[in-house]
N, C-alpha and C. Protein backbone atom coordinates (compact mmCIF):
# COMPACT_ATOMS: atom_id res chain seq x y z
N UNK A 1 63.28 96.40 101.93
CA UNK A 1 64.70 96.31 102.74
C UNK A 1 65.25 97.77 102.63
N UNK A 2 65.65 98.40 103.82
CA UNK A 2 66.15 99.76 103.46
C UNK A 2 67.47 99.30 103.56
N UNK A 3 68.05 100.35 102.66
CA UNK A 3 69.48 100.33 101.94
C UNK A 3 69.99 101.53 102.44
N UNK A 4 71.29 101.92 102.92
CA UNK A 4 71.87 103.01 103.06
C UNK A 4 72.70 103.36 102.28
N UNK A 5 72.89 104.46 101.56
CA UNK A 5 73.94 104.45 100.17
C UNK A 5 74.65 105.37 101.00
N UNK A 6 76.09 105.26 100.68
CA UNK A 6 76.98 106.19 101.21
C UNK A 6 78.12 106.42 100.11
N UNK A 7 78.64 107.33 100.15
CA UNK A 7 80.10 107.53 99.07
C UNK A 7 80.86 106.58 99.40
N UNK A 8 81.76 105.78 98.24
CA UNK A 8 82.73 104.90 98.47
C UNK A 8 83.93 105.59 99.40
N UNK A 9 84.42 105.03 100.19
CA UNK A 9 85.52 105.31 101.32
C UNK A 9 86.93 105.17 100.50
N UNK A 10 87.87 106.05 100.50
CA UNK A 10 89.27 105.67 99.90
C UNK A 10 89.88 105.04 101.12
N UNK A 11 90.66 104.21 100.49
CA UNK A 11 91.48 103.41 101.67
C UNK A 11 92.39 104.08 102.24
N UNK A 12 92.48 104.41 103.87
CA UNK A 12 93.61 105.36 104.27
C UNK A 12 94.99 105.09 103.77
N UNK A 13 95.72 106.01 103.49
CA UNK A 13 97.35 105.80 103.19
C UNK A 13 97.45 105.25 102.07
N UNK A 14 96.31 104.83 100.96
CA UNK A 14 96.38 104.70 99.52
C UNK A 14 96.98 105.88 98.85
N UNK A 15 97.74 106.02 97.68
CA UNK A 15 98.16 107.14 96.53
C UNK A 15 97.18 107.80 96.71
N UNK A 16 95.61 107.42 96.07
CA UNK A 16 94.60 108.29 95.87
C UNK A 16 94.16 109.03 96.88
N UNK A 17 94.03 108.43 98.26
CA UNK A 17 93.61 109.22 99.57
C UNK A 17 94.91 110.14 99.74
N UNK A 18 96.28 109.92 99.87
CA UNK A 18 97.25 110.63 100.34
C UNK A 18 97.13 111.96 98.98
N UNK A 19 96.92 112.04 97.71
CA UNK A 19 97.16 112.87 97.04
C UNK A 19 95.70 113.57 97.20
N UNK A 20 94.88 113.36 97.76
CA UNK A 20 93.33 114.27 98.01
C UNK A 20 93.53 115.04 99.39
N UNK A 21 94.10 114.40 100.42
CA UNK A 21 94.06 114.82 101.67
C UNK A 21 95.34 115.46 102.52
N UNK A 22 96.66 115.11 101.80
CA UNK A 22 97.79 115.86 102.13
C UNK A 22 98.39 117.00 101.44
N UNK A 23 99.25 117.77 102.09
CA UNK A 23 99.58 118.83 101.32
C UNK A 23 101.14 118.26 100.96
N UNK A 24 101.93 119.52 100.70
CA UNK A 24 103.49 119.03 100.33
C UNK A 24 104.34 117.99 101.25
N UNK A 25 103.86 118.08 102.61
CA UNK A 25 104.77 117.24 103.66
C UNK A 25 103.63 116.48 104.23
N UNK A 26 104.16 115.72 105.02
CA UNK A 26 103.43 114.81 105.75
C UNK A 26 104.24 114.44 106.98
N UNK A 27 103.53 113.39 107.90
CA UNK A 27 104.50 113.35 109.11
C UNK A 27 105.09 111.89 109.02
N UNK A 28 105.96 111.58 109.78
CA UNK A 28 106.81 110.18 109.80
C UNK A 28 105.66 109.09 109.89
N UNK A 29 104.52 109.43 111.17
CA UNK A 29 104.05 108.54 111.64
C UNK A 29 102.78 108.17 110.39
N UNK A 30 102.45 109.05 109.71
CA UNK A 30 101.44 108.78 108.70
C UNK A 30 102.06 107.84 107.59
N UNK A 31 103.30 108.64 107.16
CA UNK A 31 103.99 108.07 105.80
C UNK A 31 104.43 106.46 106.48
N UNK A 32 104.67 106.20 107.78
CA UNK A 32 105.14 104.64 108.40
C UNK A 32 103.63 103.93 108.24
N UNK A 33 102.71 104.30 108.50
CA UNK A 33 101.50 103.48 108.15
C UNK A 33 101.24 103.36 106.78
N UNK A 34 101.51 104.48 105.96
CA UNK A 34 101.58 103.82 104.36
C UNK A 34 102.36 102.81 104.15
N UNK A 35 103.25 102.89 104.54
CA UNK A 35 104.52 101.76 103.96
C UNK A 35 104.15 100.55 105.00
N UNK A 36 103.22 100.68 105.99
CA UNK A 36 102.67 99.26 106.59
C UNK A 36 103.72 99.01 107.60
N UNK A 37 104.56 100.07 108.41
CA UNK A 37 105.08 99.71 109.42
C UNK A 37 104.96 100.50 110.58
N UNK A 38 105.49 100.18 111.70
CA UNK A 38 105.27 100.88 112.89
C UNK A 38 106.12 102.28 112.72
N UNK A 39 105.48 103.29 113.87
CA UNK A 39 105.92 104.81 114.00
C UNK A 39 107.30 104.41 114.29
N UNK A 40 107.77 103.80 115.29
CA UNK A 40 109.00 103.24 115.92
C UNK A 40 110.07 102.75 115.02
N UNK A 41 109.41 102.19 113.87
CA UNK A 41 110.35 101.64 112.89
C UNK A 41 110.70 102.99 111.74
N UNK A 42 109.45 103.65 111.68
CA UNK A 42 109.83 104.80 110.47
C UNK A 42 110.80 105.71 111.28
N UNK A 43 111.01 105.90 112.48
CA UNK A 43 111.84 106.66 113.21
C UNK A 43 113.27 106.21 112.99
N UNK A 44 113.04 104.85 113.45
CA UNK A 44 114.38 104.12 113.14
C UNK A 44 115.22 104.52 111.75
N UNK A 45 114.31 103.99 110.78
CA UNK A 45 114.87 104.25 109.36
C UNK A 45 115.47 105.59 109.18
N UNK A 46 114.40 106.88 109.41
CA UNK A 46 114.82 108.03 109.21
C UNK A 46 116.35 108.37 110.11
N UNK A 47 116.60 107.60 111.36
CA UNK A 47 117.39 107.97 112.02
C UNK A 47 119.08 107.53 111.62
N UNK A 48 118.48 106.30 110.90
CA UNK A 48 119.99 105.59 109.98
C UNK A 48 120.06 105.95 108.69
N UNK A 49 119.24 107.02 108.09
CA UNK A 49 119.19 107.57 106.66
C UNK A 49 118.71 106.53 105.59
N UNK A 50 117.84 105.66 106.29
CA UNK A 50 117.16 104.37 105.14
C UNK A 50 115.70 104.53 105.06
N UNK A 51 115.11 105.87 105.30
CA UNK A 51 113.69 105.92 105.34
C UNK A 51 113.59 105.79 103.53
N UNK A 52 112.60 104.95 103.07
CA UNK A 52 112.15 104.58 101.75
C UNK A 52 112.05 106.02 101.05
N UNK A 53 111.67 107.25 101.34
CA UNK A 53 111.47 108.23 100.50
C UNK A 53 112.19 109.50 101.10
N UNK A 54 112.05 110.57 100.59
CA UNK A 54 112.77 111.87 100.82
C UNK A 54 112.20 112.42 102.18
N UNK A 55 112.94 112.66 103.22
CA UNK A 55 112.42 113.49 104.34
C UNK A 55 113.07 115.06 104.67
N UNK A 56 112.78 115.57 105.19
CA UNK A 56 112.99 116.85 105.60
C UNK A 56 113.11 117.16 106.77
N UNK A 57 114.47 117.69 107.50
CA UNK A 57 114.54 118.11 108.78
C UNK A 57 114.63 119.57 109.12
N UNK A 58 113.57 120.01 109.63
CA UNK A 58 114.03 121.09 110.06
C UNK A 58 113.50 121.55 111.45
N UNK A 59 114.64 122.10 111.82
CA UNK A 59 114.63 122.13 113.60
C UNK A 59 114.34 120.77 114.23
N UNK A 60 113.64 120.80 115.10
CA UNK A 60 113.47 119.34 115.61
C UNK A 60 112.40 118.68 115.12
N UNK A 61 111.56 118.93 113.78
CA UNK A 61 110.86 118.33 113.03
C UNK A 61 111.07 117.70 111.92
N UNK A 62 110.61 116.40 111.82
CA UNK A 62 111.25 115.49 110.41
C UNK A 62 109.82 115.31 109.61
N UNK A 63 109.82 115.56 108.65
CA UNK A 63 108.32 115.70 107.49
C UNK A 63 109.20 114.81 106.42
N UNK A 64 107.82 114.31 105.80
CA UNK A 64 107.89 113.15 104.81
C UNK A 64 107.46 114.30 103.54
N UNK A 65 108.42 114.33 102.19
CA UNK A 65 107.80 114.78 101.31
C UNK A 65 106.97 114.00 100.29
N UNK A 66 105.65 114.67 100.50
CA UNK A 66 104.62 114.10 99.57
C UNK A 66 104.81 113.21 98.38
N UNK A 67 105.05 114.00 97.22
CA UNK A 67 105.48 113.65 95.98
C UNK A 67 106.48 112.48 96.34
N UNK A 68 107.42 112.49 96.95
CA UNK A 68 108.54 111.51 96.98
C UNK A 68 107.80 110.17 97.47
N UNK A 69 106.89 110.29 98.42
CA UNK A 69 106.27 109.22 99.03
C UNK A 69 105.04 108.59 98.10
N UNK A 70 104.40 109.22 97.29
CA UNK A 70 103.76 108.77 96.38
C UNK A 70 104.30 108.05 95.24
N UNK A 71 105.64 108.73 94.64
CA UNK A 71 106.31 107.81 93.76
C UNK A 71 106.79 106.40 94.26
N UNK A 72 107.23 106.35 95.42
CA UNK A 72 107.70 105.25 96.27
C UNK A 72 106.60 104.50 96.08
N UNK A 73 105.40 104.54 96.80
CA UNK A 73 104.04 103.57 96.96
C UNK A 73 103.95 103.15 95.40
N UNK A 74 103.88 104.07 94.38
CA UNK A 74 103.48 103.58 92.93
C UNK A 74 104.27 102.96 92.21
N UNK A 75 105.57 102.96 92.41
CA UNK A 75 106.77 102.16 91.92
C UNK A 75 107.63 101.27 92.56
N UNK A 76 107.21 101.39 93.86
CA UNK A 76 108.35 100.70 94.65
C UNK A 76 110.08 101.03 94.67
N UNK A 77 110.48 101.97 93.99
CA UNK A 77 111.53 102.24 93.83
C UNK A 77 112.12 103.62 94.99
N UNK A 78 112.93 103.13 95.98
CA UNK A 78 113.38 103.93 96.92
C UNK A 78 113.93 105.12 96.60
N UNK A 79 114.04 106.37 97.11
CA UNK A 79 114.47 107.60 96.75
C UNK A 79 115.42 108.13 97.43
N UNK A 80 115.81 107.44 98.62
CA UNK A 80 116.66 108.01 99.21
C UNK A 80 118.25 107.68 99.01
N UNK A 81 118.36 106.75 98.00
CA UNK A 81 119.88 106.55 97.52
C UNK A 81 119.99 105.46 98.18
N UNK A 82 119.24 104.57 99.12
CA UNK A 82 119.57 103.59 99.77
C UNK A 82 119.78 102.29 98.76
N UNK A 83 120.09 101.09 99.29
CA UNK A 83 119.88 99.85 98.19
C UNK A 83 118.57 99.48 98.30
N UNK A 84 117.92 99.23 97.33
CA UNK A 84 116.71 98.33 97.40
C UNK A 84 117.07 96.84 97.42
N UNK A 85 116.23 96.47 98.14
CA UNK A 85 116.28 95.07 98.60
C UNK A 85 116.72 94.00 97.58
N UNK A 86 116.30 93.94 96.36
CA UNK A 86 116.52 93.16 95.27
C UNK A 86 118.06 93.44 94.95
N UNK A 87 118.45 94.47 95.29
CA UNK A 87 120.08 94.80 94.71
C UNK A 87 121.08 94.31 95.93
N UNK A 88 120.29 93.86 97.14
CA UNK A 88 121.46 93.54 98.00
C UNK A 88 121.91 92.29 97.72
N UNK A 89 123.20 91.94 98.07
CA UNK A 89 124.06 90.93 97.93
C UNK A 89 124.77 90.34 99.15
N UNK A 90 124.86 89.18 98.89
CA UNK A 90 125.32 88.47 100.13
C UNK A 90 126.97 88.12 99.74
N UNK A 91 128.03 88.57 100.65
CA UNK A 91 129.47 88.51 100.48
C UNK A 91 129.83 86.68 99.97
C-alpha cells in the first residue's frame, strides 16, 4: 500500500494558524471567518461598534488587531467594551 505522508495542516483561522501567518493586523473578512460569521455580519458589527475585538480605522481601511483577535478567540471575552452575551439582561 502506497501511503503519502504530509505535514499536518493547521486549521485555517485557528489561533495557532493566525499566530503563524498573520502580522500585527488582519482583515475584517478573515477575522469574521475566525469568528465563524459572514463578511457582511463582520462589517455590520464594525459599523455598530460591536465587533468582538479591537479594530483600527485608517482612512477608508479597517483592520483587526491580531493580538486582540487572539485574546478573544482564546478566552471568549470581548475586548470592544460591549456587553458580553452572558451579561445581557431582559428588563
